[in-house]
Amino acid sequence: MPKMIVSIDGVVIKEVQLTKDRTTLGRRPYNDVVIDNLAVSGEHAVLQMSGSDVFLEDLNSTNGTYVNGKAIKKQQLQGGDTIEIGKYKIKFVHDGADAHEKTMVINAGAVVSGGDSGAMPLAPAAIKVVSGSAAGREVALTKVVTTIGKPGVAVAAITRRPHGYVVAMVEGTVKPTVNGEPLTTEGRDLRNGDLLELAGTQMQFVQG
């Protein structure tokens, strides 16, 4: 099944499986893929599936839609293509494209999660909710990317990297904070005991 891997400044913030014939991208909350950034138009682009083929069409956006560095109006996507919308890069992955592409994707995932053979394995980590109705609940960070928060209010993504865990803001009207400092889309390293606050809920990053 084709999917999109959305990243900014090299930090993966979400993965989206393409399950519908029509998947919209834009800043407005009703889009299938919401990218909350002023460089992104309210209704920026649409992905249309026709059998196993996927077409990307720009919806007359203000800043344009780019595939592999070239502005497009409508184009068929190939596995490995990079879509650029504002500062965001979206890698198009088509598992069924061919066996070689699939192998590359698996290898890339292994590099992200495991690091090189000389690196120390990462200690297990979790997010523990310390306030609100879900206080005491723990979410183990077992995936490469874990998103937390309330869509449309405040969402952050925690990405597992070879050197540790990185948190970045994904979307929202209220910026999440780490130890009281507002979070940006740039991403910052997490340390054991860091306090995150999203949409009025406090959470603690626990590692080891």
N, C-alpha and C. Protein backbone atom coordinates (compact mmCIF):
# COMPACT_ATOMS: atom_id res chain seq x y z
N MET A 1 0.86 -1.20 0.00
CA MET A 1 0.00 0.00 0.00
C MET A 1 0.89 1.25 0.00
N PRO A 2 0.62 2.22 -0.90
CA PRO A 2 1.46 3.42 -0.92
C PRO A 2 1.29 4.24 0.36
N LYS A 3 2.35 4.94 0.74
CA LYS A 3 2.27 5.80 1.92
C LYS A 3 3.16 7.02 1.74
N MET A 4 2.95 8.01 2.59
CA MET A 4 3.75 9.22 2.57
C MET A 4 4.43 9.38 3.92
N ILE A 5 5.72 9.74 3.88
CA ILE A 5 6.47 10.00 5.10
C ILE A 5 6.76 11.49 5.13
N VAL A 6 6.14 12.19 6.08
CA VAL A 6 6.24 13.66 6.15
C VAL A 6 7.36 14.04 7.12
N SER A 7 8.26 14.92 6.68
CA SER A 7 9.36 15.35 7.55
C SER A 7 9.62 16.84 7.37
N ILE A 8 10.27 17.42 8.37
CA ILE A 8 10.73 18.81 8.28
C ILE A 8 12.11 18.87 8.92
N ASP A 9 13.04 19.48 8.22
CA ASP A 9 14.43 19.58 8.68
C ASP A 9 14.99 18.21 9.07
N GLY A 10 14.61 17.18 8.31
CA GLY A 10 15.16 15.84 8.55
C GLY A 10 14.48 15.07 9.66
N VAL A 11 13.50 15.69 10.36
CA VAL A 11 12.78 15.00 11.44
C VAL A 11 11.45 14.49 10.90
N VAL A 12 11.26 13.19 10.95
CA VAL A 12 9.99 12.60 10.49
C VAL A 12 8.89 12.92 11.51
N ILE A 13 7.78 13.49 11.03
CA ILE A 13 6.72 13.87 11.96
C ILE A 13 5.45 13.02 11.81
N LYS A 14 5.27 12.42 10.66
CA LYS A 14 4.10 11.54 10.53
C LYS A 14 4.23 10.66 9.30
N GLU A 15 3.57 9.50 9.37
CA GLU A 15 3.46 8.61 8.22
C GLU A 15 1.98 8.46 7.90
N VAL A 16 1.63 8.56 6.63
CA VAL A 16 0.22 8.49 6.23
C VAL A 16 0.06 7.41 5.16
N GLN A 17 -0.78 6.41 5.46
CA GLN A 17 -1.10 5.38 4.48
C GLN A 17 -2.15 5.94 3.51
N LEU A 18 -1.96 5.71 2.22
CA LEU A 18 -2.95 6.16 1.23
C LEU A 18 -3.98 5.05 1.03
N THR A 19 -5.10 5.20 1.70
CA THR A 19 -6.14 4.17 1.64
C THR A 19 -7.35 4.61 0.82
N LYS A 20 -7.46 5.92 0.55
CA LYS A 20 -8.63 6.44 -0.16
C LYS A 20 -8.27 6.80 -1.60
N ASP A 21 -9.29 6.89 -2.45
CA ASP A 21 -9.06 7.29 -3.84
C ASP A 21 -8.57 8.74 -3.92
N ARG A 22 -8.97 9.54 -2.91
CA ARG A 22 -8.63 10.97 -2.93
C ARG A 22 -8.16 11.38 -1.54
N THR A 23 -6.92 11.85 -1.43
CA THR A 23 -6.34 12.28 -0.16
C THR A 23 -5.89 13.74 -0.29
N THR A 24 -6.46 14.63 0.54
CA THR A 24 -6.13 16.06 0.42
C THR A 24 -5.06 16.47 1.42
N LEU A 25 -4.23 17.44 1.00
CA LEU A 25 -3.19 18.00 1.86
C LEU A 25 -3.41 19.51 1.96
N GLY A 26 -3.26 20.05 3.17
CA GLY A 26 -3.41 21.49 3.32
C GLY A 26 -3.37 21.91 4.77
N ARG A 27 -3.54 23.23 4.98
CA ARG A 27 -3.46 23.79 6.33
C ARG A 27 -4.77 23.66 7.11
N ARG A 28 -5.88 23.63 6.39
CA ARG A 28 -7.19 23.57 7.07
C ARG A 28 -7.38 22.23 7.78
N PRO A 29 -8.05 22.24 8.94
CA PRO A 29 -8.18 21.01 9.75
C PRO A 29 -9.00 19.90 9.09
N TYR A 30 -9.79 20.22 8.04
CA TYR A 30 -10.61 19.17 7.44
C TYR A 30 -9.85 18.37 6.38
N ASN A 31 -8.61 18.73 6.07
CA ASN A 31 -7.83 17.95 5.11
C ASN A 31 -7.49 16.57 5.69
N ASP A 32 -7.23 15.60 4.81
CA ASP A 32 -6.82 14.27 5.27
C ASP A 32 -5.43 14.34 5.91
N VAL A 33 -4.55 15.16 5.31
CA VAL A 33 -3.22 15.38 5.88
C VAL A 33 -3.09 16.87 6.18
N VAL A 34 -3.11 17.21 7.48
CA VAL A 34 -3.07 18.61 7.90
C VAL A 34 -1.61 19.02 8.14
N ILE A 35 -1.16 20.07 7.43
CA ILE A 35 0.18 20.62 7.64
C ILE A 35 0.00 22.06 8.08
N ASP A 36 0.13 22.28 9.39
CA ASP A 36 -0.18 23.58 9.99
C ASP A 36 1.03 24.51 9.86
N ASN A 37 1.15 25.15 8.68
CA ASN A 37 2.27 26.04 8.42
C ASN A 37 1.79 27.12 7.46
N LEU A 38 2.18 28.37 7.71
CA LEU A 38 1.66 29.48 6.90
C LEU A 38 2.09 29.41 5.44
N ALA A 39 3.17 28.67 5.14
CA ALA A 39 3.61 28.53 3.74
C ALA A 39 2.72 27.56 2.97
N VAL A 40 1.84 26.85 3.70
CA VAL A 40 0.96 25.85 3.09
C VAL A 40 -0.43 26.45 2.93
N SER A 41 -1.03 26.30 1.74
CA SER A 41 -2.36 26.84 1.50
C SER A 41 -3.41 26.01 2.24
N GLY A 42 -4.60 26.62 2.44
CA GLY A 42 -5.69 25.93 3.13
C GLY A 42 -6.03 24.61 2.47
N GLU A 43 -6.13 24.63 1.14
CA GLU A 43 -6.31 23.41 0.34
C GLU A 43 -5.17 23.42 -0.67
N HIS A 44 -4.09 22.72 -0.36
CA HIS A 44 -2.85 22.88 -1.11
C HIS A 44 -2.73 21.93 -2.29
N ALA A 45 -2.95 20.63 -2.04
CA ALA A 45 -2.76 19.64 -3.09
C ALA A 45 -3.63 18.42 -2.80
N VAL A 46 -3.77 17.56 -3.81
CA VAL A 46 -4.56 16.34 -3.62
C VAL A 46 -3.83 15.17 -4.28
N LEU A 47 -3.89 14.01 -3.62
CA LEU A 47 -3.36 12.77 -4.17
C LEU A 47 -4.52 11.91 -4.61
N GLN A 48 -4.48 11.46 -5.86
CA GLN A 48 -5.57 10.64 -6.38
C GLN A 48 -5.02 9.28 -6.80
N MET A 49 -5.69 8.23 -6.32
CA MET A 49 -5.27 6.87 -6.67
C MET A 49 -6.17 6.33 -7.78
N SER A 50 -5.51 5.75 -8.79
CA SER A 50 -6.23 5.10 -9.88
C SER A 50 -5.58 3.74 -10.08
N GLY A 51 -6.21 2.71 -9.48
CA GLY A 51 -5.57 1.41 -9.47
C GLY A 51 -4.32 1.47 -8.62
N SER A 52 -3.19 1.07 -9.18
CA SER A 52 -1.93 1.16 -8.43
C SER A 52 -1.19 2.46 -8.71
N ASP A 53 -1.74 3.30 -9.60
CA ASP A 53 -1.09 4.58 -9.93
C ASP A 53 -1.56 5.67 -8.96
N VAL A 54 -0.64 6.56 -8.60
CA VAL A 54 -0.97 7.68 -7.72
C VAL A 54 -0.57 8.98 -8.42
N PHE A 55 -1.51 9.91 -8.50
CA PHE A 55 -1.26 11.21 -9.14
C PHE A 55 -1.33 12.31 -8.08
N LEU A 56 -0.40 13.26 -8.17
CA LEU A 56 -0.40 14.42 -7.28
C LEU A 56 -0.81 15.64 -8.09
N GLU A 57 -1.77 16.40 -7.58
CA GLU A 57 -2.24 17.60 -8.28
C GLU A 57 -2.20 18.80 -7.35
N ASP A 58 -1.60 19.90 -7.82
CA ASP A 58 -1.58 21.14 -7.06
C ASP A 58 -2.93 21.84 -7.21
N LEU A 59 -3.49 22.33 -6.10
CA LEU A 59 -4.82 22.96 -6.13
C LEU A 59 -4.68 24.49 -6.17
N ASN A 60 -3.92 24.98 -7.14
CA ASN A 60 -3.68 26.43 -7.29
C ASN A 60 -3.19 27.05 -5.99
N SER A 61 -2.24 26.35 -5.32
CA SER A 61 -1.72 26.85 -4.05
C SER A 61 -0.89 28.11 -4.26
N THR A 62 -0.72 28.88 -3.17
CA THR A 62 0.03 30.14 -3.25
C THR A 62 1.50 29.91 -3.54
N ASN A 63 2.11 28.93 -2.85
CA ASN A 63 3.55 28.72 -2.96
C ASN A 63 3.96 27.53 -3.82
N GLY A 64 2.97 26.83 -4.39
CA GLY A 64 3.28 25.76 -5.32
C GLY A 64 3.59 24.43 -4.66
N THR A 65 3.56 23.39 -5.49
CA THR A 65 3.88 22.03 -5.07
C THR A 65 5.02 21.53 -5.94
N TYR A 66 6.03 20.94 -5.31
CA TYR A 66 7.22 20.51 -6.04
C TYR A 66 7.43 19.01 -5.89
N VAL A 67 7.87 18.37 -6.98
CA VAL A 67 8.25 16.96 -6.94
C VAL A 67 9.69 16.86 -7.42
N ASN A 68 10.57 16.36 -6.56
CA ASN A 68 12.00 16.24 -6.87
C ASN A 68 12.58 17.58 -7.34
N GLY A 69 12.11 18.68 -6.68
CA GLY A 69 12.67 20.00 -6.95
C GLY A 69 12.02 20.76 -8.10
N LYS A 70 11.05 20.15 -8.79
CA LYS A 70 10.41 20.82 -9.93
C LYS A 70 8.94 21.12 -9.62
N ALA A 71 8.50 22.35 -9.95
CA ALA A 71 7.11 22.73 -9.74
C ALA A 71 6.21 21.90 -10.66
N ILE A 72 5.10 21.42 -10.11
CA ILE A 72 4.18 20.61 -10.92
C ILE A 72 2.76 21.14 -10.79
N LYS A 73 1.92 20.81 -11.79
CA LYS A 73 0.48 21.04 -11.68
C LYS A 73 -0.21 19.70 -11.41
N LYS A 74 0.18 18.68 -12.20
CA LYS A 74 -0.32 17.32 -11.97
C LYS A 74 0.74 16.36 -12.48
N GLN A 75 1.05 15.36 -11.67
CA GLN A 75 2.10 14.42 -12.05
C GLN A 75 1.87 13.07 -11.40
N GLN A 76 2.19 12.01 -12.16
CA GLN A 76 2.13 10.67 -11.57
C GLN A 76 3.37 10.47 -10.70
N LEU A 77 3.17 9.91 -9.50
CA LEU A 77 4.28 9.71 -8.57
C LEU A 77 4.89 8.32 -8.74
N GLN A 78 6.21 8.28 -8.54
CA GLN A 78 6.94 7.02 -8.54
C GLN A 78 7.48 6.78 -7.13
N GLY A 79 7.66 5.51 -6.75
CA GLY A 79 8.23 5.22 -5.44
C GLY A 79 9.57 5.91 -5.26
N GLY A 80 9.76 6.59 -4.13
CA GLY A 80 11.00 7.30 -3.87
C GLY A 80 10.95 8.78 -4.20
N ASP A 81 9.88 9.24 -4.89
CA ASP A 81 9.74 10.67 -5.20
C ASP A 81 9.65 11.49 -3.91
N THR A 82 10.20 12.70 -3.96
CA THR A 82 10.12 13.62 -2.82
C THR A 82 9.24 14.80 -3.19
N ILE A 83 8.14 14.97 -2.44
CA ILE A 83 7.23 16.10 -2.63
C ILE A 83 7.64 17.20 -1.66
N GLU A 84 7.67 18.46 -2.13
CA GLU A 84 8.00 19.58 -1.25
C GLU A 84 6.84 20.55 -1.21
N ILE A 85 6.37 20.82 0.01
CA ILE A 85 5.29 21.78 0.24
C ILE A 85 5.76 22.69 1.37
N GLY A 86 6.03 23.95 1.07
CA GLY A 86 6.62 24.84 2.08
C GLY A 86 7.97 24.28 2.51
N LYS A 87 8.20 24.21 3.83
CA LYS A 87 9.45 23.64 4.35
C LYS A 87 9.36 22.13 4.54
N TYR A 88 8.20 21.57 4.25
CA TYR A 88 7.99 20.15 4.50
C TYR A 88 8.39 19.30 3.30
N LYS A 89 8.99 18.16 3.59
CA LYS A 89 9.33 17.19 2.55
C LYS A 89 8.52 15.93 2.80
N ILE A 90 7.92 15.42 1.76
CA ILE A 90 7.08 14.22 1.87
C ILE A 90 7.63 13.17 0.92
N LYS A 91 8.13 12.08 1.49
CA LYS A 91 8.64 10.99 0.64
C LYS A 91 7.50 10.06 0.30
N PHE A 92 7.35 9.79 -1.00
CA PHE A 92 6.31 8.88 -1.45
C PHE A 92 6.90 7.47 -1.53
N VAL A 93 6.32 6.55 -0.78
CA VAL A 93 6.81 5.17 -0.74
C VAL A 93 5.71 4.26 -1.27
N HIS A 94 6.06 3.49 -2.29
CA HIS A 94 5.09 2.56 -2.88
C HIS A 94 5.66 1.16 -2.72
N ASP A 95 5.19 0.44 -1.70
CA ASP A 95 5.73 -0.90 -1.40
C ASP A 95 5.61 -1.84 -2.58
N GLY A 96 4.54 -1.64 -3.36
CA GLY A 96 4.33 -2.56 -4.48
C GLY A 96 5.05 -2.15 -5.74
N ALA A 97 5.81 -1.06 -5.71
CA ALA A 97 6.47 -0.54 -6.91
C ALA A 97 7.42 -1.58 -7.49
N ASP A 98 8.39 -2.02 -6.70
CA ASP A 98 9.23 -3.15 -7.09
C ASP A 98 10.00 -3.61 -5.87
N ALA A 99 10.58 -4.79 -5.97
CA ALA A 99 11.24 -5.41 -4.82
C ALA A 99 12.44 -4.59 -4.36
N HIS A 100 13.13 -3.96 -5.31
CA HIS A 100 14.33 -3.20 -4.96
C HIS A 100 13.97 -2.01 -4.07
N GLU A 101 12.89 -1.32 -4.45
CA GLU A 101 12.45 -0.17 -3.64
C GLU A 101 12.07 -0.62 -2.24
N LYS A 102 11.42 -1.77 -2.12
CA LYS A 102 11.00 -2.27 -0.81
C LYS A 102 12.22 -2.53 0.07
N THR A 103 13.25 -3.12 -0.51
CA THR A 103 14.47 -3.40 0.24
C THR A 103 15.09 -2.10 0.75
N MET A 104 15.10 -1.09 -0.10
CA MET A 104 15.68 0.20 0.30
C MET A 104 14.92 0.79 1.49
N VAL A 105 13.60 0.68 1.46
CA VAL A 105 12.78 1.24 2.54
C VAL A 105 13.09 0.53 3.86
N ILE A 106 13.19 -0.80 3.81
CA ILE A 106 13.49 -1.56 5.03
C ILE A 106 14.86 -1.17 5.57
N ASN A 107 15.83 -1.04 4.68
CA ASN A 107 17.17 -0.66 5.13
C ASN A 107 17.17 0.72 5.76
N ALA A 108 16.42 1.65 5.15
CA ALA A 108 16.36 3.00 5.70
C ALA A 108 15.77 2.98 7.10
N GLY A 109 14.70 2.17 7.28
CA GLY A 109 14.08 2.06 8.60
C GLY A 109 15.05 1.50 9.63
N ALA A 110 15.87 0.52 9.20
CA ALA A 110 16.81 -0.10 10.12
C ALA A 110 17.86 0.91 10.58
N VAL A 111 18.26 1.77 9.66
CA VAL A 111 19.27 2.79 10.02
C VAL A 111 18.68 3.76 11.03
N VAL A 112 17.43 4.17 10.81
CA VAL A 112 16.81 5.13 11.72
C VAL A 112 16.66 4.54 13.12
N SER A 113 16.21 3.29 13.19
CA SER A 113 15.87 2.73 14.50
C SER A 113 17.07 2.14 15.23
N GLY A 114 18.02 1.61 14.47
CA GLY A 114 19.10 0.88 15.14
C GLY A 114 20.43 1.61 15.21
N GLY A 115 20.63 2.60 14.33
CA GLY A 115 21.93 3.26 14.28
C GLY A 115 22.97 2.31 13.70
N ASP A 116 24.25 2.71 13.72
CA ASP A 116 25.27 1.82 13.18
C ASP A 116 25.69 0.81 14.25
N SER A 117 26.42 -0.19 13.82
CA SER A 117 26.74 -1.30 14.72
C SER A 117 27.61 -0.86 15.88
N GLY A 118 28.32 0.27 15.71
CA GLY A 118 29.20 0.72 16.79
C GLY A 118 28.48 1.55 17.83
N ALA A 119 27.22 1.93 17.56
CA ALA A 119 26.50 2.78 18.49
C ALA A 119 25.90 1.95 19.61
N MET A 120 25.76 2.57 20.78
CA MET A 120 25.13 1.89 21.91
C MET A 120 23.63 1.78 21.63
N PRO A 121 23.01 0.64 21.93
CA PRO A 121 21.56 0.54 21.73
C PRO A 121 20.83 1.52 22.65
N LEU A 122 19.74 2.10 22.17
CA LEU A 122 18.99 3.07 22.96
C LEU A 122 18.27 2.37 24.12
N ALA A 123 18.31 3.01 25.27
CA ALA A 123 17.54 2.49 26.41
C ALA A 123 16.06 2.68 26.11
N PRO A 124 15.20 1.74 26.57
CA PRO A 124 13.76 1.90 26.33
C PRO A 124 13.25 3.19 26.96
N ALA A 125 12.27 3.80 26.29
CA ALA A 125 11.74 5.07 26.78
C ALA A 125 10.21 5.05 26.71
N ALA A 126 9.60 5.96 27.49
CA ALA A 126 8.14 6.04 27.51
C ALA A 126 7.73 7.47 27.86
N ILE A 127 6.49 7.78 27.55
CA ILE A 127 5.88 9.05 27.97
C ILE A 127 4.86 8.72 29.05
N LYS A 128 4.99 9.35 30.21
CA LYS A 128 4.08 9.10 31.33
C LYS A 128 3.20 10.34 31.56
N VAL A 129 1.89 10.13 31.53
CA VAL A 129 0.95 11.24 31.75
C VAL A 129 0.90 11.56 33.25
N VAL A 130 1.13 12.83 33.61
CA VAL A 130 1.18 13.19 35.04
C VAL A 130 0.03 14.10 35.47
N SER A 131 -0.81 14.54 34.53
CA SER A 131 -1.96 15.36 34.92
C SER A 131 -3.16 15.03 34.04
N GLY A 132 -4.35 15.47 34.47
CA GLY A 132 -5.55 15.24 33.68
C GLY A 132 -6.17 13.88 33.97
N SER A 133 -7.21 13.55 33.18
CA SER A 133 -7.99 12.32 33.43
C SER A 133 -7.18 11.06 33.16
N ALA A 134 -6.13 11.15 32.33
CA ALA A 134 -5.33 9.95 32.00
C ALA A 134 -4.07 9.86 32.84
N ALA A 135 -3.99 10.60 33.95
CA ALA A 135 -2.78 10.60 34.79
C ALA A 135 -2.38 9.18 35.18
N GLY A 136 -1.08 8.91 35.10
CA GLY A 136 -0.57 7.59 35.44
C GLY A 136 -0.40 6.66 34.25
N ARG A 137 -1.01 7.03 33.12
CA ARG A 137 -0.89 6.19 31.93
C ARG A 137 0.49 6.36 31.29
N GLU A 138 1.05 5.25 30.83
CA GLU A 138 2.35 5.31 30.15
C GLU A 138 2.22 4.85 28.71
N VAL A 139 2.91 5.54 27.81
CA VAL A 139 2.94 5.15 26.40
C VAL A 139 4.39 4.81 26.06
N ALA A 140 4.66 3.54 25.77
CA ALA A 140 6.02 3.13 25.42
C ALA A 140 6.37 3.63 24.03
N LEU A 141 7.58 4.16 23.88
CA LEU A 141 8.02 4.68 22.59
C LEU A 141 8.71 3.56 21.81
N THR A 142 7.90 2.67 21.26
CA THR A 142 8.45 1.51 20.56
C THR A 142 8.57 1.74 19.06
N LYS A 143 7.84 2.73 18.53
CA LYS A 143 7.86 2.99 17.09
C LYS A 143 8.93 4.02 16.77
N VAL A 144 9.29 4.11 15.49
CA VAL A 144 10.26 5.13 15.05
C VAL A 144 9.67 6.52 15.28
N VAL A 145 8.37 6.68 15.00
CA VAL A 145 7.69 7.96 15.22
C VAL A 145 6.44 7.72 16.06
N THR A 146 6.30 8.45 17.16
CA THR A 146 5.11 8.39 18.00
C THR A 146 4.52 9.79 18.09
N THR A 147 3.24 9.95 17.70
CA THR A 147 2.60 11.27 17.81
C THR A 147 1.74 11.31 19.06
N ILE A 148 1.76 12.46 19.72
CA ILE A 148 0.98 12.65 20.95
C ILE A 148 0.24 13.98 20.87
N GLY A 149 -0.88 14.10 21.60
CA GLY A 149 -1.62 15.35 21.65
C GLY A 149 -3.02 15.22 21.08
N LYS A 150 -3.65 16.38 20.85
CA LYS A 150 -5.01 16.42 20.32
C LYS A 150 -4.99 17.10 18.95
N PRO A 151 -5.38 16.38 17.88
CA PRO A 151 -5.40 17.00 16.55
C PRO A 151 -6.22 18.28 16.53
N GLY A 152 -5.68 19.32 15.89
CA GLY A 152 -6.37 20.60 15.81
C GLY A 152 -6.09 21.51 16.99
N VAL A 153 -5.59 20.94 18.10
CA VAL A 153 -5.26 21.75 19.29
C VAL A 153 -3.75 21.83 19.44
N ALA A 154 -3.12 20.70 19.67
CA ALA A 154 -1.66 20.65 19.78
C ALA A 154 -1.21 19.21 19.57
N VAL A 155 -0.33 19.02 18.60
CA VAL A 155 0.21 17.68 18.32
C VAL A 155 1.72 17.78 18.20
N ALA A 156 2.42 16.84 18.85
CA ALA A 156 3.88 16.76 18.75
C ALA A 156 4.25 15.35 18.33
N ALA A 157 5.44 15.21 17.75
CA ALA A 157 5.93 13.90 17.33
C ALA A 157 7.27 13.62 17.99
N ILE A 158 7.40 12.42 18.53
CA ILE A 158 8.68 12.00 19.13
C ILE A 158 9.30 10.98 18.18
N THR A 159 10.50 11.29 17.67
CA THR A 159 11.18 10.45 16.70
C THR A 159 12.39 9.79 17.35
N ARG A 160 12.50 8.47 17.15
CA ARG A 160 13.64 7.74 17.69
C ARG A 160 14.79 7.85 16.69
N ARG A 161 15.90 8.43 17.12
CA ARG A 161 17.08 8.58 16.27
C ARG A 161 18.21 7.72 16.83
N PRO A 162 19.28 7.49 16.06
CA PRO A 162 20.41 6.70 16.58
C PRO A 162 20.99 7.25 17.87
N HIS A 163 20.99 8.60 18.02
CA HIS A 163 21.60 9.21 19.21
C HIS A 163 20.62 9.38 20.37
N GLY A 164 19.33 9.21 20.12
CA GLY A 164 18.35 9.41 21.19
C GLY A 164 16.99 9.78 20.63
N TYR A 165 16.16 10.43 21.46
CA TYR A 165 14.80 10.78 21.06
C TYR A 165 14.69 12.28 20.83
N VAL A 166 13.98 12.65 19.75
CA VAL A 166 13.80 14.06 19.37
C VAL A 166 12.31 14.35 19.34
N VAL A 167 11.90 15.51 19.91
CA VAL A 167 10.49 15.89 19.88
C VAL A 167 10.36 17.17 19.04
N ALA A 168 9.29 17.24 18.24
CA ALA A 168 9.04 18.41 17.40
C ALA A 168 7.54 18.66 17.34
N MET A 169 7.19 19.93 17.17
CA MET A 169 5.78 20.30 17.01
C MET A 169 5.31 19.89 15.62
N VAL A 170 4.09 19.35 15.52
CA VAL A 170 3.52 18.97 14.23
C VAL A 170 2.47 19.99 13.81
N GLU A 171 1.52 20.25 14.67
CA GLU A 171 0.45 21.19 14.34
C GLU A 171 -0.20 21.68 15.62
N GLY A 172 -1.03 22.71 15.48
CA GLY A 172 -1.80 23.16 16.63
C GLY A 172 -1.82 24.67 16.78
N THR A 173 -2.84 25.14 17.47
CA THR A 173 -2.98 26.57 17.74
C THR A 173 -2.23 26.96 19.01
N VAL A 174 -2.03 25.99 19.89
CA VAL A 174 -1.28 26.23 21.14
C VAL A 174 0.02 25.44 21.07
N LYS A 175 1.14 26.13 21.18
CA LYS A 175 2.43 25.43 21.07
C LYS A 175 2.67 24.54 22.28
N PRO A 176 3.04 23.27 22.04
CA PRO A 176 3.45 22.40 23.15
C PRO A 176 4.72 22.98 23.78
N THR A 177 4.97 22.65 25.05
CA THR A 177 6.18 23.13 25.72
C THR A 177 6.98 21.94 26.28
N VAL A 178 8.29 22.13 26.37
CA VAL A 178 9.18 21.17 27.03
C VAL A 178 9.90 21.94 28.13
N ASN A 179 9.68 21.53 29.38
CA ASN A 179 10.23 22.23 30.55
C ASN A 179 9.89 23.72 30.51
N GLY A 180 8.66 24.03 30.04
CA GLY A 180 8.18 25.41 30.02
C GLY A 180 8.57 26.21 28.80
N GLU A 181 9.43 25.65 27.94
CA GLU A 181 9.86 26.37 26.73
C GLU A 181 9.02 25.94 25.54
N PRO A 182 8.48 26.90 24.76
CA PRO A 182 7.64 26.54 23.61
C PRO A 182 8.42 25.70 22.61
N LEU A 183 7.74 24.69 22.08
CA LEU A 183 8.36 23.78 21.12
C LEU A 183 8.15 24.32 19.71
N THR A 184 9.12 24.10 18.83
CA THR A 184 9.00 24.52 17.42
C THR A 184 9.04 23.28 16.54
N THR A 185 8.94 23.50 15.21
CA THR A 185 9.02 22.39 14.26
C THR A 185 10.48 21.98 14.04
N GLU A 186 11.42 22.71 14.63
CA GLU A 186 12.84 22.38 14.45
C GLU A 186 13.21 21.08 15.14
N GLY A 187 12.55 20.78 16.25
CA GLY A 187 12.87 19.55 16.99
C GLY A 187 13.95 19.80 18.02
N ARG A 188 13.85 19.11 19.16
CA ARG A 188 14.87 19.22 20.20
C ARG A 188 15.04 17.86 20.88
N ASP A 189 16.25 17.62 21.37
CA ASP A 189 16.55 16.35 22.02
C ASP A 189 15.82 16.25 23.35
N LEU A 190 15.36 15.05 23.67
CA LEU A 190 14.69 14.81 24.95
C LEU A 190 15.68 14.18 25.93
N ARG A 191 15.57 14.58 27.18
CA ARG A 191 16.38 14.02 28.25
C ARG A 191 15.47 13.37 29.28
N ASN A 192 15.96 12.34 29.97
CA ASN A 192 15.18 11.66 31.00
C ASN A 192 14.65 12.67 32.02
N GLY A 193 13.34 12.66 32.25
CA GLY A 193 12.75 13.56 33.23
C GLY A 193 12.15 14.82 32.63
N ASP A 194 12.38 15.09 31.32
CA ASP A 194 11.81 16.29 30.69
C ASP A 194 10.29 16.29 30.82
N LEU A 195 9.72 17.47 31.07
CA LEU A 195 8.27 17.62 31.19
C LEU A 195 7.71 18.24 29.92
N LEU A 196 6.75 17.56 29.29
CA LEU A 196 6.07 18.08 28.11
C LEU A 196 4.66 18.49 28.50
N GLU A 197 4.18 19.57 27.90
CA GLU A 197 2.79 19.97 28.12
C GLU A 197 2.14 20.20 26.77
N LEU A 198 1.03 19.49 26.52
CA LEU A 198 0.27 19.62 25.29
C LEU A 198 -1.19 19.78 25.63
N ALA A 199 -1.80 20.82 25.10
CA ALA A 199 -3.25 21.03 25.26
C ALA A 199 -3.68 20.88 26.72
N GLY A 200 -2.85 21.40 27.65
CA GLY A 200 -3.22 21.39 29.06
C GLY A 200 -2.89 20.11 29.80
N THR A 201 -2.33 19.12 29.10
CA THR A 201 -1.95 17.86 29.75
C THR A 201 -0.44 17.80 29.90
N GLN A 202 0.02 17.46 31.12
CA GLN A 202 1.46 17.35 31.37
C GLN A 202 1.91 15.89 31.25
N MET A 203 3.05 15.70 30.59
CA MET A 203 3.61 14.36 30.42
C MET A 203 5.10 14.42 30.71
N GLN A 204 5.64 13.30 31.18
CA GLN A 204 7.07 13.24 31.50
C GLN A 204 7.73 12.19 30.61
N PHE A 205 8.90 12.58 30.05
CA PHE A 205 9.70 11.65 29.25
C PHE A 205 10.58 10.84 30.19
N VAL A 206 10.43 9.52 30.13
CA VAL A 206 11.19 8.63 31.03
C VAL A 206 12.02 7.67 30.17
N GLN A 207 13.31 7.60 30.45
CA GLN A 207 14.17 6.70 29.67
C GLN A 207 15.08 5.92 30.61
N GLY A 208 15.26 4.62 30.30
CA GLY A 208 16.17 3.80 31.09
C GLY A 208 15.42 2.92 32.08
